Amino acid sequence: MHLIVAVMVAYALTWDWRKALAIGLIEPFVQTFAFAVHDRYWRRREHGSPISINAVAVYPRAPVNFPVRNNDKEELLCSN
């Protein structure tokens, strides 16, 4: 559906079906890359630390589990 809408909008702007098809096929890839960069930026801004692009692209909302020592007891904490 998204591809069809993108091609139709591109055709309405260019009146050339070849250009419209090219724009419609390229646009989802550009949008995917832009989303990953945007999400990485906001995660860095929220947490104040760098996050790898692979973690953002593969696990965008995965919880982070890590052991923490508290009064000589190990507890498993989950932060979201």
N, C-alpha and C. Protein backbone atom coordinates (compact mmCIF):
# COMPACT_ATOMS: atom_id res chain seq x y z
N MET A 1 0.82 -1.19 0.00
CA MET A 1 0.00 0.00 0.00
C MET A 1 0.87 1.26 0.00
N HIS A 2 1.88 1.26 0.88
CA HIS A 2 2.75 2.43 0.97
C HIS A 2 3.48 2.68 -0.35
N LEU A 3 3.92 1.61 -0.97
CA LEU A 3 4.63 1.73 -2.25
C LEU A 3 3.73 2.34 -3.32
N ILE A 4 2.49 1.92 -3.36
CA ILE A 4 1.54 2.45 -4.35
C ILE A 4 1.30 3.94 -4.12
N VAL A 5 1.12 4.32 -2.87
CA VAL A 5 0.90 5.74 -2.56
C VAL A 5 2.12 6.57 -2.94
N ALA A 6 3.31 6.06 -2.62
CA ALA A 6 4.54 6.79 -2.96
C ALA A 6 4.67 6.97 -4.46
N VAL A 7 4.38 5.94 -5.23
CA VAL A 7 4.46 6.03 -6.70
C VAL A 7 3.41 7.00 -7.23
N MET A 8 2.21 6.96 -6.68
CA MET A 8 1.14 7.86 -7.14
C MET A 8 1.47 9.32 -6.86
N VAL A 9 2.01 9.60 -5.68
CA VAL A 9 2.39 10.97 -5.34
C VAL A 9 3.53 11.43 -6.24
N ALA A 10 4.51 10.58 -6.44
CA ALA A 10 5.63 10.94 -7.32
C ALA A 10 5.16 11.16 -8.75
N TYR A 11 4.22 10.36 -9.21
CA TYR A 11 3.68 10.54 -10.56
C TYR A 11 2.91 11.87 -10.67
N ALA A 12 2.15 12.18 -9.63
CA ALA A 12 1.40 13.44 -9.65
C ALA A 12 2.34 14.65 -9.71
N LEU A 13 3.53 14.51 -9.11
CA LEU A 13 4.49 15.61 -9.12
C LEU A 13 5.33 15.68 -10.39
N THR A 14 5.65 14.51 -10.97
CA THR A 14 6.57 14.49 -12.11
C THR A 14 5.88 14.26 -13.45
N TRP A 15 4.74 13.63 -13.48
CA TRP A 15 4.03 13.23 -14.69
C TRP A 15 4.89 12.32 -15.58
N ASP A 16 5.77 11.56 -14.94
CA ASP A 16 6.62 10.60 -15.65
C ASP A 16 6.61 9.30 -14.85
N TRP A 17 6.08 8.23 -15.44
CA TRP A 17 5.93 6.99 -14.69
C TRP A 17 7.27 6.35 -14.35
N ARG A 18 8.28 6.56 -15.17
CA ARG A 18 9.62 5.99 -14.86
C ARG A 18 10.22 6.65 -13.61
N LYS A 19 10.15 7.97 -13.57
CA LYS A 19 10.65 8.68 -12.40
C LYS A 19 9.82 8.34 -11.16
N ALA A 20 8.53 8.24 -11.33
CA ALA A 20 7.64 7.93 -10.20
C ALA A 20 7.94 6.55 -9.65
N LEU A 21 8.17 5.58 -10.52
CA LEU A 21 8.50 4.23 -10.07
C LEU A 21 9.85 4.21 -9.36
N ALA A 22 10.82 4.92 -9.89
CA ALA A 22 12.14 4.99 -9.26
C ALA A 22 12.05 5.62 -7.87
N ILE A 23 11.32 6.72 -7.77
CA ILE A 23 11.15 7.40 -6.47
C ILE A 23 10.40 6.48 -5.50
N GLY A 24 9.36 5.83 -5.98
CA GLY A 24 8.57 4.95 -5.13
C GLY A 24 9.34 3.75 -4.62
N LEU A 25 10.31 3.26 -5.40
CA LEU A 25 11.12 2.12 -4.96
C LEU A 25 12.26 2.54 -4.03
N ILE A 26 12.79 3.72 -4.20
CA ILE A 26 13.91 4.20 -3.39
C ILE A 26 13.43 4.73 -2.04
N GLU A 27 12.28 5.33 -2.00
CA GLU A 27 11.77 6.02 -0.80
C GLU A 27 11.70 5.13 0.45
N PRO A 28 11.23 3.88 0.39
CA PRO A 28 11.19 3.07 1.62
C PRO A 28 12.57 2.82 2.23
N PHE A 29 13.60 2.67 1.39
CA PHE A 29 14.95 2.47 1.91
C PHE A 29 15.46 3.74 2.61
N VAL A 30 15.19 4.87 2.01
CA VAL A 30 15.61 6.14 2.61
C VAL A 30 14.86 6.35 3.93
N GLN A 31 13.60 6.04 3.95
CA GLN A 31 12.80 6.22 5.16
C GLN A 31 13.27 5.29 6.28
N THR A 32 13.63 4.05 5.95
CA THR A 32 14.14 3.11 6.95
C THR A 32 15.43 3.63 7.57
N PHE A 33 16.35 4.11 6.74
CA PHE A 33 17.61 4.65 7.23
C PHE A 33 17.36 5.90 8.08
N ALA A 34 16.48 6.77 7.62
CA ALA A 34 16.19 8.00 8.37
C ALA A 34 15.57 7.67 9.73
N PHE A 35 14.70 6.66 9.79
CA PHE A 35 14.10 6.27 11.06
C PHE A 35 15.16 5.76 12.03
N ALA A 36 16.10 4.93 11.55
CA ALA A 36 17.15 4.39 12.41
C ALA A 36 18.02 5.51 12.97
N VAL A 37 18.38 6.48 12.14
CA VAL A 37 19.19 7.60 12.59
C VAL A 37 18.42 8.45 13.60
N HIS A 38 17.16 8.72 13.30
CA HIS A 38 16.32 9.52 14.19
C HIS A 38 16.14 8.84 15.54
N ASP A 39 15.86 7.54 15.54
CA ASP A 39 15.66 6.80 16.77
C ASP A 39 16.95 6.75 17.59
N ARG A 40 18.08 6.59 16.92
CA ARG A 40 19.37 6.59 17.61
C ARG A 40 19.62 7.94 18.27
N TYR A 41 19.32 9.03 17.57
CA TYR A 41 19.51 10.36 18.13
C TYR A 41 18.68 10.55 19.40
N TRP A 42 17.40 10.17 19.36
CA TRP A 42 16.54 10.37 20.52
C TRP A 42 16.93 9.47 21.68
N ARG A 43 17.38 8.26 21.40
CA ARG A 43 17.83 7.37 22.48
C ARG A 43 19.08 7.94 23.16
N ARG A 44 19.99 8.49 22.36
CA ARG A 44 21.18 9.12 22.94
C ARG A 44 20.78 10.31 23.79
N ARG A 45 19.82 11.07 23.32
CA ARG A 45 19.38 12.26 24.05
C ARG A 45 18.72 11.87 25.37
N GLU A 46 17.91 10.80 25.36
CA GLU A 46 17.23 10.36 26.58
C GLU A 46 18.20 9.76 27.59
N HIS A 47 19.13 8.93 27.14
CA HIS A 47 19.99 8.18 28.05
C HIS A 47 21.34 8.84 28.26
N GLY A 48 21.74 9.74 27.39
CA GLY A 48 23.00 10.43 27.53
C GLY A 48 24.22 9.59 27.23
N SER A 49 24.03 8.45 26.58
CA SER A 49 25.17 7.60 26.24
C SER A 49 25.02 7.09 24.81
N PRO A 50 26.12 6.80 24.15
CA PRO A 50 26.05 6.30 22.79
C PRO A 50 25.47 4.89 22.73
N ILE A 51 24.66 4.64 21.71
CA ILE A 51 24.06 3.33 21.47
C ILE A 51 24.44 2.93 20.05
N SER A 52 24.82 1.69 19.85
CA SER A 52 25.22 1.27 18.50
C SER A 52 24.01 1.24 17.59
N ILE A 53 24.23 1.49 16.31
CA ILE A 53 23.13 1.51 15.33
C ILE A 53 22.54 0.13 15.18
N ASN A 54 23.32 -0.95 15.37
CA ASN A 54 22.81 -2.30 15.26
C ASN A 54 21.80 -2.60 16.36
N ALA A 55 22.05 -2.13 17.56
CA ALA A 55 21.10 -2.36 18.65
C ALA A 55 19.79 -1.64 18.41
N VAL A 56 19.84 -0.47 17.82
CA VAL A 56 18.63 0.29 17.54
C VAL A 56 17.84 -0.36 16.41
N ALA A 57 18.53 -0.80 15.38
CA ALA A 57 17.85 -1.35 14.22
C ALA A 57 17.26 -2.73 14.51
N VAL A 58 17.97 -3.57 15.30
CA VAL A 58 17.53 -4.93 15.51
C VAL A 58 16.59 -5.04 16.72
N TYR A 59 16.92 -4.36 17.82
CA TYR A 59 16.14 -4.44 19.04
C TYR A 59 15.71 -3.04 19.48
N PRO A 60 14.74 -2.43 18.80
CA PRO A 60 14.42 -1.04 19.13
C PRO A 60 13.80 -0.84 20.51
N ARG A 61 13.13 -1.83 21.07
CA ARG A 61 12.49 -1.64 22.37
C ARG A 61 12.84 -2.75 23.36
N ALA A 62 13.95 -3.44 23.15
CA ALA A 62 14.31 -4.56 24.00
C ALA A 62 14.75 -4.07 25.38
N PRO A 63 14.30 -4.73 26.46
CA PRO A 63 14.76 -4.35 27.79
C PRO A 63 16.21 -4.77 27.99
N VAL A 64 16.89 -4.09 28.88
CA VAL A 64 18.29 -4.39 29.18
C VAL A 64 18.34 -5.02 30.56
N ASN A 65 18.80 -6.27 30.63
CA ASN A 65 18.92 -6.98 31.91
C ASN A 65 20.39 -7.02 32.31
N PHE A 66 20.69 -6.66 33.53
CA PHE A 66 22.07 -6.69 33.99
C PHE A 66 22.10 -6.94 35.49
N PRO A 67 23.10 -7.72 35.95
CA PRO A 67 23.20 -7.97 37.40
C PRO A 67 23.80 -6.78 38.12
N VAL A 68 23.30 -6.49 39.31
CA VAL A 68 23.80 -5.38 40.12
C VAL A 68 24.01 -5.89 41.54
N ARG A 69 25.17 -5.56 42.11
CA ARG A 69 25.44 -5.95 43.50
C ARG A 69 24.85 -4.89 44.43
N ASN A 70 24.03 -5.33 45.37
CA ASN A 70 23.43 -4.44 46.36
C ASN A 70 23.49 -5.14 47.71
N ASN A 71 24.32 -4.62 48.62
CA ASN A 71 24.49 -5.22 49.94
C ASN A 71 24.90 -6.69 49.85
N ASP A 72 25.87 -6.98 48.98
CA ASP A 72 26.40 -8.32 48.77
C ASP A 72 25.35 -9.30 48.25
N LYS A 73 24.29 -8.82 47.65
CA LYS A 73 23.29 -9.69 47.02
C LYS A 73 23.26 -9.32 45.53
N GLU A 74 23.17 -10.34 44.69
CA GLU A 74 23.05 -10.07 43.27
C GLU A 74 21.58 -10.05 42.89
N GLU A 75 21.18 -8.98 42.25
CA GLU A 75 19.80 -8.84 41.81
C GLU A 75 19.82 -8.62 40.30
N LEU A 76 18.80 -9.12 39.65
CA LEU A 76 18.67 -8.89 38.22
C LEU A 76 17.68 -7.77 38.01
N LEU A 77 18.17 -6.67 37.45
CA LEU A 77 17.33 -5.50 37.22
C LEU A 77 16.98 -5.41 35.75
N CYS A 78 15.80 -4.93 35.48
CA CYS A 78 15.36 -4.73 34.11
C CYS A 78 15.01 -3.26 33.95
N SER A 79 15.72 -2.57 33.06
CA SER A 79 15.44 -1.15 32.85
C SER A 79 14.86 -0.95 31.46
N ASN A 80 13.84 -0.16 31.35
CA ASN A 80 13.23 0.16 30.05
C ASN A 80 13.33 1.62 29.79
